[in-house]
Amino acid sequence: MKKGAEYWLDIAEYDLETARVMFQGKRFLYVGFMCHQVIEKAFKGCYAAKYDDNPPFTHNLRYIAQKSGLFEKMNESQKRFLELLGPLNIEARYPTYKEKILKSLTKERCIDILKKTEELFLWIKGRF
């Protein structure tokens, strides 16, 4: 595996473990945020592996997936999941959105988000 791709994959795995720790600590806002980070970095790793270049500087999951060549290979459920994760990154950083997002991130919803993040992460890793 190319060094750039390995870097992104390693940090994505670290972020996945961080999401699990945040879940155990009931820090649900950060579960969503870290799950977004996992998928973003996995796509960036795929991009780095494919092009041997730095990935685009963006947090837009759909865009990175398209640029990495994976979006068209994803099923509809995976694409919908990207749409769910999207707001959990940027909007979680701004106070006006934090309260709204936090209310939507119940324990049950976070379990589902973590499970789907793990599944999509493994799927992306399998495309390297």
C-alpha atoms as a PDB file:
ATOM      1  CA  MET A   1       0.000   0.000   0.000  1.00  0.00           C
ATOM      2  CA  LYS A   2       1.265   3.480  -0.804  1.00  0.00           C
ATOM      3  CA  LYS A   3       2.485   5.499   2.139  1.00  0.00           C
ATOM      4  CA  GLY A   4      -0.134   8.258   1.751  1.00  0.00           C
ATOM      5  CA  ALA A   5      -2.945   5.732   1.643  1.00  0.00           C
ATOM      6  CA  GLU A   6      -1.580   3.950   4.683  1.00  0.00           C
ATOM      7  CA  TYR A   7      -1.501   7.226   6.615  1.00  0.00           C
ATOM      8  CA  TRP A   8      -5.188   7.948   5.895  1.00  0.00           C
ATOM      9  CA  LEU A   9      -6.225   4.390   6.715  1.00  0.00           C
ATOM     10  CA  ASP A  10      -4.328   4.401  10.028  1.00  0.00           C
ATOM     11  CA  ILE A  11      -5.886   7.671  11.129  1.00  0.00           C
ATOM     12  CA  ALA A  12      -9.346   6.462  10.065  1.00  0.00           C
ATOM     13  CA  GLU A  13      -8.915   3.388  12.273  1.00  0.00           C
ATOM     14  CA  TYR A  14      -7.818   5.613  15.151  1.00  0.00           C
ATOM     15  CA  ASP A  15     -10.907   7.775  14.640  1.00  0.00           C
ATOM     16  CA  LEU A  16     -13.138   4.699  14.638  1.00  0.00           C
ATOM     17  CA  GLU A  17     -11.750   3.689  18.007  1.00  0.00           C
ATOM     18  CA  THR A  18     -12.289   7.263  19.208  1.00  0.00           C
ATOM     19  CA  ALA A  19     -15.943   7.058  18.090  1.00  0.00           C
ATOM     20  CA  ARG A  20     -16.334   3.884  20.154  1.00  0.00           C
ATOM     21  CA  VAL A  21     -14.802   5.575  23.208  1.00  0.00           C
ATOM     22  CA  MET A  22     -17.091   8.579  22.758  1.00  0.00           C
ATOM     23  CA  PHE A  23     -20.054   6.196  22.623  1.00  0.00           C
ATOM     24  CA  GLN A  24     -18.999   4.483  25.849  1.00  0.00           C
ATOM     25  CA  GLY A  25     -18.707   7.896  27.476  1.00  0.00           C
ATOM     26  CA  LYS A  26     -22.152   8.911  26.139  1.00  0.00           C
ATOM     27  CA  ARG A  27     -20.608  11.778  24.171  1.00  0.00           C
ATOM     28  CA  PHE A  28     -23.061  11.219  21.335  1.00  0.00           C
ATOM     29  CA  LEU A  29     -22.388  14.462  19.464  1.00  0.00           C
ATOM     30  CA  TYR A  30     -18.812  13.318  18.985  1.00  0.00           C
ATOM     31  CA  VAL A  31     -19.809   9.805  17.974  1.00  0.00           C
ATOM     32  CA  GLY A  32     -21.436  11.288  14.884  1.00  0.00           C
ATOM     33  CA  PHE A  33     -18.544  13.660  14.267  1.00  0.00           C
ATOM     34  CA  MET A  34     -15.924  10.910  14.532  1.00  0.00           C
ATOM     35  CA  CYS A  35     -17.914   8.531  12.324  1.00  0.00           C
ATOM     36  CA  HIS A  36     -17.911  11.217   9.636  1.00  0.00           C
ATOM     37  CA  GLN A  37     -14.152  11.534  10.085  1.00  0.00           C
ATOM     38  CA  VAL A  38     -13.672   7.769   9.695  1.00  0.00           C
ATOM     39  CA  ILE A  39     -15.439   7.651   6.352  1.00  0.00           C
ATOM     40  CA  GLU A  40     -13.872  10.884   5.106  1.00  0.00           C
ATOM     41  CA  LYS A  41     -10.371   9.625   5.846  1.00  0.00           C
ATOM     42  CA  ALA A  42     -11.063   6.196   4.367  1.00  0.00           C
ATOM     43  CA  PHE A  43     -12.167   7.813   1.100  1.00  0.00           C
ATOM     44  CA  LYS A  44      -9.110  10.043   1.184  1.00  0.00           C
ATOM     45  CA  GLY A  45      -6.936   6.973   1.645  1.00  0.00           C
ATOM     46  CA  CYS A  46      -8.555   5.361  -1.363  1.00  0.00           C
ATOM     47  CA  TYR A  47      -7.921   8.523  -3.367  1.00  0.00           C
ATOM     48  CA  ALA A  48      -4.270   8.580  -2.259  1.00  0.00           C
ATOM     49  CA  ALA A  49      -3.874   4.925  -3.228  1.00  0.00           C
ATOM     50  CA  LYS A  50      -5.476   5.387  -6.621  1.00  0.00           C
ATOM     51  CA  TYR A  51      -3.699   8.586  -7.670  1.00  0.00           C
ATOM     52  CA  ASP A  52      -0.567   8.554  -5.484  1.00  0.00           C
ATOM     53  CA  ASP A  53      -1.416  12.149  -4.623  1.00  0.00           C
ATOM     54  CA  ASN A  54      -2.918  14.150  -1.782  1.00  0.00           C
ATOM     55  CA  PRO A  55      -6.710  13.963  -1.662  1.00  0.00           C
ATOM     56  CA  PRO A  56      -8.887  17.031  -2.160  1.00  0.00           C
ATOM     57  CA  PHE A  57      -9.147  19.359   0.823  1.00  0.00           C
ATOM     58  CA  THR A  58     -12.847  19.002   1.583  1.00  0.00           C
ATOM     59  CA  HIS A  59     -15.181  17.362   4.076  1.00  0.00           C
ATOM     60  CA  ASN A  60     -17.852  16.609   1.473  1.00  0.00           C
ATOM     61  CA  LEU A  61     -18.176  12.820   1.594  1.00  0.00           C
ATOM     62  CA  ARG A  62     -20.007  12.470  -1.707  1.00  0.00           C
ATOM     63  CA  TYR A  63     -17.397  14.562  -3.509  1.00  0.00           C
ATOM     64  CA  ILE A  64     -14.470  12.598  -2.050  1.00  0.00           C
ATOM     65  CA  ALA A  65     -16.221   9.312  -2.836  1.00  0.00           C
ATOM     66  CA  GLN A  66     -16.720  10.438  -6.424  1.00  0.00           C
ATOM     67  CA  LYS A  67     -13.124  11.602  -6.788  1.00  0.00           C
ATOM     68  CA  SER A  68     -11.828   8.334  -5.342  1.00  0.00           C
ATOM     69  CA  GLY A  69     -13.886   6.367  -7.867  1.00  0.00           C
ATOM     70  CA  LEU A  70     -15.984   4.615  -5.243  1.00  0.00           C
ATOM     71  CA  PHE A  71     -19.277   6.494  -5.365  1.00  0.00           C
ATOM     72  CA  GLU A  72     -20.529   4.734  -8.484  1.00  0.00           C
ATOM     73  CA  LYS A  73     -19.716   1.365  -6.864  1.00  0.00           C
ATOM     74  CA  MET A  74     -21.721   2.113  -3.726  1.00  0.00           C
ATOM     75  CA  ASN A  75     -25.220   0.787  -3.221  1.00  0.00           C
ATOM     76  CA  GLU A  76     -28.157   3.084  -2.448  1.00  0.00           C
ATOM     77  CA  SER A  77     -28.032   2.338   1.276  1.00  0.00           C
ATOM     78  CA  GLN A  78     -24.385   3.367   1.437  1.00  0.00           C
ATOM     79  CA  LYS A  79     -25.124   6.569  -0.490  1.00  0.00           C
ATOM     80  CA  ARG A  80     -27.980   7.436   1.871  1.00  0.00           C
ATOM     81  CA  PHE A  81     -25.648   6.867   4.802  1.00  0.00           C
ATOM     82  CA  LEU A  82     -23.243   9.457   3.369  1.00  0.00           C
ATOM     83  CA  GLU A  83     -26.112  11.947   3.366  1.00  0.00           C
ATOM     84  CA  LEU A  84     -26.833  11.161   7.020  1.00  0.00           C
ATOM     85  CA  LEU A  85     -23.185  11.613   8.020  1.00  0.00           C
ATOM     86  CA  GLY A  86     -22.650  14.853   6.097  1.00  0.00           C
ATOM     87  CA  PRO A  87     -24.152  17.298   8.607  1.00  0.00           C
ATOM     88  CA  LEU A  88     -22.533  15.542  11.561  1.00  0.00           C
ATOM     89  CA  ASN A  89     -19.163  16.995  10.622  1.00  0.00           C
ATOM     90  CA  ILE A  90     -19.499  20.666   9.861  1.00  0.00           C
ATOM     91  CA  GLU A  91     -22.674  21.504  11.744  1.00  0.00           C
ATOM     92  CA  ALA A  92     -21.426  19.820  14.910  1.00  0.00           C
ATOM     93  CA  ARG A  93     -18.761  22.522  15.100  1.00  0.00           C
ATOM     94  CA  TYR A  94     -21.155  25.458  15.294  1.00  0.00           C
ATOM     95  CA  PRO A  95     -23.059  26.264  18.497  1.00  0.00           C
ATOM     96  CA  THR A  96     -26.360  26.994  16.749  1.00  0.00           C
ATOM     97  CA  TYR A  97     -26.466  23.463  15.354  1.00  0.00           C
ATOM     98  CA  LYS A  98     -24.946  21.524  18.241  1.00  0.00           C
ATOM     99  CA  GLU A  99     -28.088  21.406  20.364  1.00  0.00           C
ATOM    100  CA  LYS A 100     -30.271  20.299  17.440  1.00  0.00           C
ATOM    101  CA  ILE A 101     -27.854  17.577  16.383  1.00  0.00           C
ATOM    102  CA  LEU A 102     -27.267  16.438  19.944  1.00  0.00           C
ATOM    103  CA  LYS A 103     -31.008  15.917  20.447  1.00  0.00           C
ATOM    104  CA  SER A 104     -31.135  13.727  17.338  1.00  0.00           C
ATOM    105  CA  LEU A 105     -28.208  11.549  18.411  1.00  0.00           C
ATOM    106  CA  THR A 106     -29.824   9.119  20.807  1.00  0.00           C
ATOM    107  CA  LYS A 107     -28.026   6.062  22.085  1.00  0.00           C
ATOM    108  CA  GLU A 108     -29.945   3.876  19.636  1.00  0.00           C
ATOM    109  CA  ARG A 109     -29.177   6.139  16.695  1.00  0.00           C
ATOM    110  CA  CYS A 110     -25.493   6.202  17.624  1.00  0.00           C
ATOM    111  CA  ILE A 111     -25.420   2.401  17.771  1.00  0.00           C
ATOM    112  CA  ASP A 112     -26.798   2.357  14.223  1.00  0.00           C
ATOM    113  CA  ILE A 113     -24.360   5.026  13.008  1.00  0.00           C
ATOM    114  CA  LEU A 114     -21.392   3.187  14.520  1.00  0.00           C
ATOM    115  CA  LYS A 115     -22.489  -0.115  12.981  1.00  0.00           C
ATOM    116  CA  LYS A 116     -22.964   1.416   9.537  1.00  0.00           C
ATOM    117  CA  THR A 117     -19.664   3.292   9.819  1.00  0.00           C
ATOM    118  CA  GLU A 118     -17.833   0.062  10.616  1.00  0.00           C
ATOM    119  CA  GLU A 119     -19.505  -1.697   7.677  1.00  0.00           C
ATOM    120  CA  LEU A 120     -18.764   1.092   5.198  1.00  0.00           C
ATOM    121  CA  PHE A 121     -15.217   1.444   6.473  1.00  0.00           C
ATOM    122  CA  LEU A 122     -14.585  -2.259   5.867  1.00  0.00           C
ATOM    123  CA  TRP A 123     -16.164  -1.972   2.420  1.00  0.00           C
ATOM    124  CA  ILE A 124     -13.882   0.961   1.527  1.00  0.00           C
ATOM    125  CA  LYS A 125     -10.803  -0.851   2.877  1.00  0.00           C
ATOM    126  CA  GLY A 126     -11.698  -3.785   0.654  1.00  0.00           C
ATOM    127  CA  ARG A 127     -11.418  -1.539  -2.417  1.00  0.00           C
ATOM    128  CA  PHE A 128      -7.742  -0.603  -1.881  1.00  0.00           C
END
